[in-house]
PDB file of N, CA and C in Angstrom:
ATOM      1  N   MET A   1      76.310 123.181 109.003  1.00  0.00           N
ATOM      2  CA  MET A   1      77.487 123.102 108.153  1.00  0.00           C
ATOM      3  C   MET A   1      78.474 122.078 108.713  1.00  0.00           C
ATOM      4  N   PHE A   2      78.890 122.249 109.965  1.00  0.00           N
ATOM      5  CA  PHE A   2      79.787 121.290 110.610  1.00  0.00           C
ATOM      6  C   PHE A   2      79.015 120.586 111.700  1.00  0.00           C
ATOM      7  N   ASP A   3      79.301 119.327 111.892  1.00  0.00           N
ATOM      8  CA  ASP A   3      78.641 118.573 112.941  1.00  0.00           C
ATOM      9  C   ASP A   3      79.682 118.053 113.922  1.00  0.00           C
ATOM     10  N   ASN A   4      80.271 118.975 114.655  1.00  0.00           N
ATOM     11  CA  ASN A   4      81.248 118.637 115.683  1.00  0.00           C
ATOM     12  C   ASN A   4      82.365 117.741 115.150  1.00  0.00           C
ATOM     13  N   ALA A   5      83.039 118.212 114.110  1.00  0.00           N
ATOM     14  CA  ALA A   5      84.128 117.466 113.484  1.00  0.00           C
ATOM     15  C   ALA A   5      85.363 117.518 114.377  1.00  0.00           C
ATOM     16  N   GLU A   6      85.860 116.348 114.800  1.00  0.00           N
ATOM     17  CA  GLU A   6      87.056 116.287 115.638  1.00  0.00           C
ATOM     18  C   GLU A   6      88.271 115.961 114.790  1.00  0.00           C
ATOM     19  N   MET A   7      89.334 116.727 114.985  1.00  0.00           N
ATOM     20  CA  MET A   7      90.569 116.543 114.234  1.00  0.00           C
ATOM     21  C   MET A   7      91.757 116.774 115.154  1.00  0.00           C
ATOM     22  N   LYS A   8      92.949 116.506 114.643  1.00  0.00           N
ATOM     23  CA  LYS A   8      94.190 116.859 115.331  1.00  0.00           C
ATOM     24  C   LYS A   8      94.820 118.029 114.596  1.00  0.00           C
ATOM     25  N   TYR A   9      95.741 118.702 115.291  1.00  0.00           N
ATOM     26  CA  TYR A   9      96.428 119.825 114.649  1.00  0.00           C
ATOM     27  C   TYR A   9      97.799 120.024 115.285  1.00  0.00           C
ATOM     28  N   ILE A  10      98.668 120.702 114.546  1.00  0.00           N
ATOM     29  CA  ILE A  10      99.914 121.236 115.094  1.00  0.00           C
ATOM     30  C   ILE A  10     100.009 122.685 114.647  1.00  0.00           C
ATOM     31  N   VAL A  11     100.689 123.493 115.435  1.00  0.00           N
ATOM     32  CA  VAL A  11     101.006 124.859 115.029  1.00  0.00           C
ATOM     33  C   VAL A  11     102.507 124.905 114.816  1.00  0.00           C
ATOM     34  N   VAL A  12     102.892 125.366 113.631  1.00  0.00           N
ATOM     35  CA  VAL A  12     104.308 125.447 113.284  1.00  0.00           C
ATOM     36  C   VAL A  12     104.722 126.909 113.157  1.00  0.00           C
ATOM     37  N   ASN A  13     105.994 127.154 113.386  1.00  0.00           N
ATOM     38  CA  ASN A  13     106.557 128.491 113.202  1.00  0.00           C
ATOM     39  C   ASN A  13     107.539 128.387 112.043  1.00  0.00           C
ATOM     40  N   ASP A  14     107.257 129.161 111.002  1.00  0.00           N
ATOM     41  CA  ASP A  14     108.104 129.160 109.820  1.00  0.00           C
ATOM     42  C   ASP A  14     108.536 130.591 109.545  1.00  0.00           C
ATOM     43  N   LYS A  15     109.801 130.884 109.820  1.00  0.00           N
ATOM     44  CA  LYS A  15     110.369 132.215 109.589  1.00  0.00           C
ATOM     45  C   LYS A  15     109.585 133.308 110.313  1.00  0.00           C
ATOM     46  N   GLY A  16     109.160 133.002 111.531  1.00  0.00           N
ATOM     47  CA  GLY A  16     108.462 133.983 112.356  1.00  0.00           C
ATOM     48  C   GLY A  16     106.955 134.023 112.176  1.00  0.00           C
ATOM     49  N   PHE A  17     106.425 133.221 111.280  1.00  0.00           N
ATOM     50  CA  PHE A  17     104.983 133.179 111.051  1.00  0.00           C
ATOM     51  C   PHE A  17     104.427 131.855 111.553  1.00  0.00           C
ATOM     52  N   GLU A  18     103.298 131.929 112.248  1.00  0.00           N
ATOM     53  CA  GLU A  18     102.646 130.723 112.744  1.00  0.00           C
ATOM     54  C   GLU A  18     101.564 130.271 111.772  1.00  0.00           C
ATOM     55  N   ALA A  19     101.482 128.960 111.583  1.00  0.00           N
ATOM     56  CA  ALA A  19     100.451 128.375 110.743  1.00  0.00           C
ATOM     57  C   ALA A  19      99.997 127.058 111.366  1.00  0.00           C
ATOM     58  N   ALA A  20      98.719 126.769 111.197  1.00  0.00           N
ATOM     59  CA  ALA A  20      98.165 125.524 111.711  1.00  0.00           C
ATOM     60  C   ALA A  20      98.086 124.490 110.599  1.00  0.00           C
ATOM     61  N   ILE A  21      98.431 123.262 110.941  1.00  0.00           N
ATOM     62  CA  ILE A  21      98.269 122.131 110.036  1.00  0.00           C
ATOM     63  C   ILE A  21      97.246 121.205 110.691  1.00  0.00           C
ATOM     64  N   ILE A  22      96.163 120.956 109.982  1.00  0.00           N
ATOM     65  CA  ILE A  22      95.050 120.173 110.515  1.00  0.00           C
ATOM     66  C   ILE A  22      95.025 118.825 109.796  1.00  0.00           C
ATOM     67  N   PHE A  23      94.766 117.750 110.579  1.00  0.00           N
ATOM     68  CA  PHE A  23      94.788 116.420 109.980  1.00  0.00           C
ATOM     69  C   PHE A  23      93.885 115.462 110.736  1.00  0.00           C
ATOM     70  N   ASP A  24      93.698 114.295 110.179  1.00  0.00           N
ATOM     71  CA  ASP A  24      92.783 113.282 110.696  1.00  0.00           C
ATOM     72  C   ASP A  24      93.243 112.737 112.052  1.00  0.00           C
ATOM     73  N   ILE A  25      92.273 112.388 112.884  1.00  0.00           N
ATOM     74  CA  ILE A  25      92.585 111.900 114.233  1.00  0.00           C
ATOM     75  C   ILE A  25      93.279 110.542 114.238  1.00  0.00           C
ATOM     76  N   THR A  26      93.270 109.836 113.115  1.00  0.00           N
ATOM     77  CA  THR A  26      93.923 108.518 113.071  1.00  0.00           C
ATOM     78  C   THR A  26      95.441 108.617 112.917  1.00  0.00           C
ATOM     79  N   MET A  27      95.944 109.816 112.613  1.00  0.00           N
ATOM     80  CA  MET A  27      97.386 110.009 112.423  1.00  0.00           C
ATOM     81  C   MET A  27      98.035 110.515 113.707  1.00  0.00           C
ATOM     82  N   ASP A  28      99.326 110.223 113.877  1.00  0.00           N
ATOM     83  CA  ASP A  28     100.084 110.743 115.019  1.00  0.00           C
ATOM     84  C   ASP A  28     100.603 112.141 114.712  1.00  0.00           C
ATOM     85  N   HIS A  29     100.622 112.969 115.749  1.00  0.00           N
ATOM     86  CA  HIS A  29     101.178 114.316 115.601  1.00  0.00           C
ATOM     87  C   HIS A  29     102.613 114.256 115.075  1.00  0.00           C
ATOM     88  N   SER A  30     103.373 113.289 115.550  1.00  0.00           N
ATOM     89  CA  SER A  30     104.790 113.203 115.169  1.00  0.00           C
ATOM     90  C   SER A  30     104.975 112.907 113.677  1.00  0.00           C
ATOM     91  N   GLU A  31     104.018 112.213 113.057  1.00  0.00           N
ATOM     92  CA  GLU A  31     104.098 111.946 111.619  1.00  0.00           C
ATOM     93  C   GLU A  31     104.034 113.248 110.824  1.00  0.00           C
ATOM     94  N   ILE A  32     103.133 114.113 111.209  1.00  0.00           N
ATOM     95  CA  ILE A  32     102.912 115.369 110.498  1.00  0.00           C
ATOM     96  C   ILE A  32     103.996 116.391 110.832  1.00  0.00           C
ATOM     97  N   ALA A  33     104.560 116.293 112.019  1.00  0.00           N
ATOM     98  CA  ALA A  33     105.519 117.287 112.502  1.00  0.00           C
ATOM     99  C   ALA A  33     106.896 117.187 111.859  1.00  0.00           C
ATOM    100  N   LYS A  34     107.190 116.097 111.197  1.00  0.00           N
ATOM    101  CA  LYS A  34     108.531 115.894 110.631  1.00  0.00           C
ATOM    102  C   LYS A  34     108.935 117.069 109.743  1.00  0.00           C
ATOM    103  N   GLY A  35     110.095 117.637 110.035  1.00  0.00           N
ATOM    104  CA  GLY A  35     110.626 118.729 109.242  1.00  0.00           C
ATOM    105  C   GLY A  35     110.090 120.109 109.613  1.00  0.00           C
ATOM    106  N   HIS A  36     109.226 120.188 110.619  1.00  0.00           N
ATOM    107  CA  HIS A  36     108.636 121.469 111.029  1.00  0.00           C
ATOM    108  C   HIS A  36     109.102 121.852 112.434  1.00  0.00           C
ATOM    109  N   HIS A  37     109.126 123.151 112.707  1.00  0.00           N
ATOM    110  CA  HIS A  37     109.354 123.645 114.058  1.00  0.00           C
ATOM    111  C   HIS A  37     107.987 123.806 114.717  1.00  0.00           C
ATOM    112  N   VAL A  38     107.587 122.812 115.515  1.00  0.00           N
ATOM    113  CA  VAL A  38     106.253 122.766 116.107  1.00  0.00           C
ATOM    114  C   VAL A  38     106.271 123.472 117.457  1.00  0.00           C
ATOM    115  N   ILE A  39     105.293 124.360 117.670  1.00  0.00           N
ATOM    116  CA  ILE A  39     105.246 125.094 118.939  1.00  0.00           C
ATOM    117  C   ILE A  39     104.065 124.702 119.821  1.00  0.00           C
ATOM    118  N   SER A  40     103.050 124.079 119.241  1.00  0.00           N
ATOM    119  CA  SER A  40     101.943 123.553 120.042  1.00  0.00           C
ATOM    120  C   SER A  40     101.223 122.486 119.228  1.00  0.00           C
ATOM    121  N   ALA A  41     100.450 121.660 119.935  1.00  0.00           N
ATOM    122  CA  ALA A  41      99.747 120.568 119.270  1.00  0.00           C
ATOM    123  C   ALA A  41      98.630 120.079 120.167  1.00  0.00           C
ATOM    124  N   GLY A  42      97.616 119.509 119.537  1.00  0.00           N
ATOM    125  CA  GLY A  42      96.512 118.979 120.316  1.00  0.00           C
ATOM    126  C   GLY A  42      95.388 118.489 119.426  1.00  0.00           C
ATOM    127  N   MET A  43      94.200 118.493 120.010  1.00  0.00           N
ATOM    128  CA  MET A  43      92.973 118.089 119.329  1.00  0.00           C
ATOM    129  C   MET A  43      92.135 119.343 119.109  1.00  0.00           C
ATOM    130  N   MET A  44      91.196 119.250 118.171  1.00  0.00           N
ATOM    131  CA  MET A  44      90.311 120.384 117.933  1.00  0.00           C
ATOM    132  C   MET A  44      88.951 119.906 117.451  1.00  0.00           C
ATOM    133  N   ASN A  45      87.955 120.689 117.773  1.00  0.00           N
ATOM    134  CA  ASN A  45      86.606 120.482 117.273  1.00  0.00           C
ATOM    135  C   ASN A  45      86.215 121.692 116.453  1.00  0.00           C
ATOM    136  N   VAL A  46      85.505 121.451 115.374  1.00  0.00           N
ATOM    137  CA  VAL A  46      84.928 122.522 114.576  1.00  0.00           C
ATOM    138  C   VAL A  46      83.423 122.286 114.592  1.00  0.00           C
ATOM    139  N   TYR A  47      82.685 123.296 114.995  1.00  0.00           N
ATOM    140  CA  TYR A  47      81.243 123.118 115.084  1.00  0.00           C
ATOM    141  C   TYR A  47      80.524 124.414 114.752  1.00  0.00           C
ATOM    142  N   ASP A  48      79.245 124.277 114.486  1.00  0.00           N
ATOM    143  CA  ASP A  48      78.384 125.398 114.153  1.00  0.00           C
ATOM    144  C   ASP A  48      77.713 125.873 115.437  1.00  0.00           C
ATOM    145  N   LYS A  49      77.981 127.113 115.800  1.00  0.00           N
ATOM    146  CA  LYS A  49      77.379 127.687 116.997  1.00  0.00           C
ATOM    147  C   LYS A  49      76.541 128.883 116.558  1.00  0.00           C
ATOM    148  N   ASP A  50      75.238 128.693 116.518  1.00  0.00           N
ATOM    149  CA  ASP A  50      74.310 129.745 116.110  1.00  0.00           C
ATOM    150  C   ASP A  50      74.648 130.295 114.723  1.00  0.00           C
ATOM    151  N   GLY A  51      74.972 129.388 113.795  1.00  0.00           N
ATOM    152  CA  GLY A  51      75.267 129.791 112.431  1.00  0.00           C
ATOM    153  C   GLY A  51      76.676 130.294 112.206  1.00  0.00           C
ATOM    154  N   LYS A  52      77.525 130.229 113.211  1.00  0.00           N
ATOM    155  CA  LYS A  52      78.910 130.691 113.091  1.00  0.00           C
ATOM    156  C   LYS A  52      79.862 129.513 113.288  1.00  0.00           C
ATOM    157  N   ILE A  53      80.851 129.381 112.409  1.00  0.00           N
ATOM    158  CA  ILE A  53      81.859 128.336 112.554  1.00  0.00           C
ATOM    159  C   ILE A  53      82.712 128.652 113.771  1.00  0.00           C
ATOM    160  N   THR A  54      82.808 127.690 114.674  1.00  0.00           N
ATOM    161  CA  THR A  54      83.552 127.885 115.911  1.00  0.00           C
ATOM    162  C   THR A  54      84.581 126.771 116.050  1.00  0.00           C
ATOM    163  N   VAL A  55      85.764 127.134 116.514  1.00  0.00           N
ATOM    164  CA  VAL A  55      86.856 126.184 116.696  1.00  0.00           C
ATOM    165  C   VAL A  55      87.220 126.121 118.175  1.00  0.00           C
ATOM    166  N   GLY A  56      87.433 124.921 118.670  1.00  0.00           N
ATOM    167  CA  GLY A  56      87.899 124.732 120.037  1.00  0.00           C
ATOM    168  C   GLY A  56      89.102 123.813 120.053  1.00  0.00           C
ATOM    169  N   CYS A  57      90.267 124.347 120.430  1.00  0.00           N
ATOM    170  CA  CYS A  57      91.494 123.552 120.536  1.00  0.00           C
ATOM    171  C   CYS A  57      91.729 123.186 121.996  1.00  0.00           C
ATOM    172  N   TYR A  58      92.235 121.979 122.218  1.00  0.00           N
ATOM    173  CA  TYR A  58      92.402 121.504 123.594  1.00  0.00           C
ATOM    174  C   TYR A  58      93.392 120.334 123.625  1.00  0.00           C
ATOM    175  N   GLY A  59      93.741 119.934 124.807  1.00  0.00           N
ATOM    176  CA  GLY A  59      94.522 118.721 125.007  1.00  0.00           C
ATOM    177  C   GLY A  59      96.003 118.867 124.725  1.00  0.00           C
ATOM    178  N   LYS A  60      96.598 117.739 124.310  1.00  0.00           N
ATOM    179  CA  LYS A  60      98.039 117.711 124.084  1.00  0.00           C
ATOM    180  C   LYS A  60      98.390 116.615 123.089  1.00  0.00           C
ATOM    181  N   SER A  61      99.626 116.653 122.646  1.00  0.00           N
ATOM    182  CA  SER A  61     100.183 115.595 121.812  1.00  0.00           C
ATOM    183  C   SER A  61     101.108 114.752 122.679  1.00  0.00           C
ATOM    184  N   VAL A  62     100.789 113.498 122.804  1.00  0.00           N
ATOM    185  CA  VAL A  62     101.647 112.579 123.561  1.00  0.00           C
ATOM    186  C   VAL A  62     102.941 112.322 122.798  1.00  0.00           C
ATOM    187  N   THR A  63     102.845 112.178 121.470  1.00  0.00           N
ATOM    188  CA  THR A  63     104.024 111.837 120.673  1.00  0.00           C
ATOM    189  C   THR A  63     105.009 112.995 120.552  1.00  0.00           C
ATOM    190  N   LEU A  64     104.529 114.241 120.732  1.00  0.00           N
ATOM    191  CA  LEU A  64     105.426 115.403 120.670  1.00  0.00           C
ATOM    192  C   LEU A  64     105.701 116.011 122.044  1.00  0.00           C
ATOM    193  N   ASN A  65     104.944 115.573 123.053  1.00  0.00           N
ATOM    194  CA  ASN A  65     105.052 116.129 124.403  1.00  0.00           C
ATOM    195  C   ASN A  65     104.825 117.655 124.387  1.00  0.00           C
ATOM    196  N   LEU A  66     103.791 118.075 123.656  1.00  0.00           N
ATOM    197  CA  LEU A  66     103.417 119.487 123.579  1.00  0.00           C
ATOM    198  C   LEU A  66     101.942 119.632 123.909  1.00  0.00           C
ATOM    199  N   LYS A  67     101.586 120.767 124.520  1.00  0.00           N
ATOM    200  CA  LYS A  67     100.194 121.060 124.862  1.00  0.00           C
ATOM    201  C   LYS A  67      99.595 122.049 123.881  1.00  0.00           C
ATOM    202  N   ALA A  68      98.280 122.063 123.847  1.00  0.00           N
ATOM    203  CA  ALA A  68      97.546 123.072 123.089  1.00  0.00           C
ATOM    204  C   ALA A  68      97.601 124.393 123.851  1.00  0.00           C
ATOM    205  N   ARG A  69      97.734 125.483 123.120  1.00  0.00           N
ATOM    206  CA  ARG A  69      97.548 126.819 123.690  1.00  0.00           C
ATOM    207  C   ARG A  69      96.091 127.153 123.366  1.00  0.00           C
ATOM    208  N   GLU A  70      95.189 126.717 124.214  1.00  0.00           N
ATOM    209  CA  GLU A  70      93.775 126.626 123.881  1.00  0.00           C
ATOM    210  C   GLU A  70      93.200 127.864 123.193  1.00  0.00           C
ATOM    211  N   ASP A  71      93.233 129.007 123.836  1.00  0.00           N
ATOM    212  CA  ASP A  71      92.630 130.216 123.250  1.00  0.00           C
ATOM    213  C   ASP A  71      93.399 130.699 122.025  1.00  0.00           C
ATOM    214  N   GLU A  72      94.712 130.730 122.135  1.00  0.00           N
ATOM    215  CA  GLU A  72      95.556 131.228 121.041  1.00  0.00           C
ATOM    216  C   GLU A  72      95.458 130.328 119.800  1.00  0.00           C
ATOM    217  N   ASP A  73      95.518 129.019 120.005  1.00  0.00           N
ATOM    218  CA  ASP A  73      95.429 128.088 118.879  1.00  0.00           C
ATOM    219  C   ASP A  73      94.037 128.104 118.254  1.00  0.00           C
ATOM    220  N   SER A  74      93.002 128.191 119.090  1.00  0.00           N
ATOM    221  CA  SER A  74      91.633 128.244 118.569  1.00  0.00           C
ATOM    222  C   SER A  74      91.445 129.456 117.666  1.00  0.00           C
ATOM    223  N   ALA A  75      91.936 130.604 118.091  1.00  0.00           N
ATOM    224  CA  ALA A  75      91.815 131.824 117.286  1.00  0.00           C
ATOM    225  C   ALA A  75      92.609 131.703 115.980  1.00  0.00           C
ATOM    226  N   LEU A  76      93.801 131.129 116.057  1.00  0.00           N
ATOM    227  CA  LEU A  76      94.631 130.957 114.858  1.00  0.00           C
ATOM    228  C   LEU A  76      93.944 130.041 113.847  1.00  0.00           C
ATOM    229  N   VAL A  77      93.455 128.897 114.294  1.00  0.00           N
ATOM    230  CA  VAL A  77      92.796 127.958 113.394  1.00  0.00           C
ATOM    231  C   VAL A  77      91.524 128.582 112.823  1.00  0.00           C
ATOM    232  N   GLN A  78      90.772 129.268 113.648  1.00  0.00           N
ATOM    233  CA  GLN A  78      89.539 129.887 113.170  1.00  0.00           C
ATOM    234  C   GLN A  78      89.836 130.918 112.073  1.00  0.00           C
ATOM    235  N   ARG A  79      90.906 131.698 112.244  1.00  0.00           N
ATOM    236  CA  ARG A  79      91.298 132.661 111.203  1.00  0.00           C
ATOM    237  C   ARG A  79      91.679 131.935 109.910  1.00  0.00           C
ATOM    238  N   HIS A  80      92.313 130.780 110.025  1.00  0.00           N
ATOM    239  CA  HIS A  80      92.688 130.001 108.832  1.00  0.00           C
ATOM    240  C   HIS A  80      91.459 129.452 108.108  1.00  0.00           C
ATOM    241  N   LEU A  81      90.435 129.060 108.861  1.00  0.00           N
ATOM    242  CA  LEU A  81      89.261 128.447 108.267  1.00  0.00           C
ATOM    243  C   LEU A  81      88.309 129.460 107.645  1.00  0.00           C
ATOM    244  N   ILE A  82      88.294 130.671 108.169  1.00  0.00           N
ATOM    245  CA  ILE A  82      87.348 131.670 107.691  1.00  0.00           C
ATOM    246  C   ILE A  82      88.120 132.767 106.994  1.00  0.00           C
ATOM    247  N   TYR A  83      87.973 132.812 105.681  1.00  0.00           N
ATOM    248  CA  TYR A  83      88.660 133.806 104.873  1.00  0.00           C
ATOM    249  C   TYR A  83      87.658 134.851 104.416  1.00  0.00           C
ATOM    250  N   ILE A  84      87.928 136.086 104.760  1.00  0.00           N
ATOM    251  CA  ILE A  84      87.080 137.199 104.328  1.00  0.00           C
ATOM    252  C   ILE A  84      87.922 138.118 103.469  1.00  0.00           C
ATOM    253  N   PRO A  85      87.668 138.142 102.150  1.00  0.00           N
ATOM    254  CA  PRO A  85      88.484 138.978 101.245  1.00  0.00           C
ATOM    255  C   PRO A  85      88.279 140.458 101.490  1.00  0.00           C
TER     256      PRO A  85
END
C-alpha cells in the first residue's frame, strides 16, 4: 500500500486539541505553520509493516526550531491516518 513515503508534518494545538498537518517535503515547516500554535514538527515516514500501516516521526524543523516528539507524534499521526468507524 505505502512504499516508505517521506513527508513533513507539524502538530498544532487548537483549543486544547492536537492535530497533525502533513505536507510535502519540498515545503518549509514555517510556511504551513502560519497562523497555528505549533507544538512539534519534523519528518515522517509512512510504510507497510506486515500489512499494517506504520508511521515513524523523527527529526526537527530548522525553520521553526522545534523537535519531533517521536513516539507521541507517531501515534497521533497514525490515529489520523487510520479511521475505524
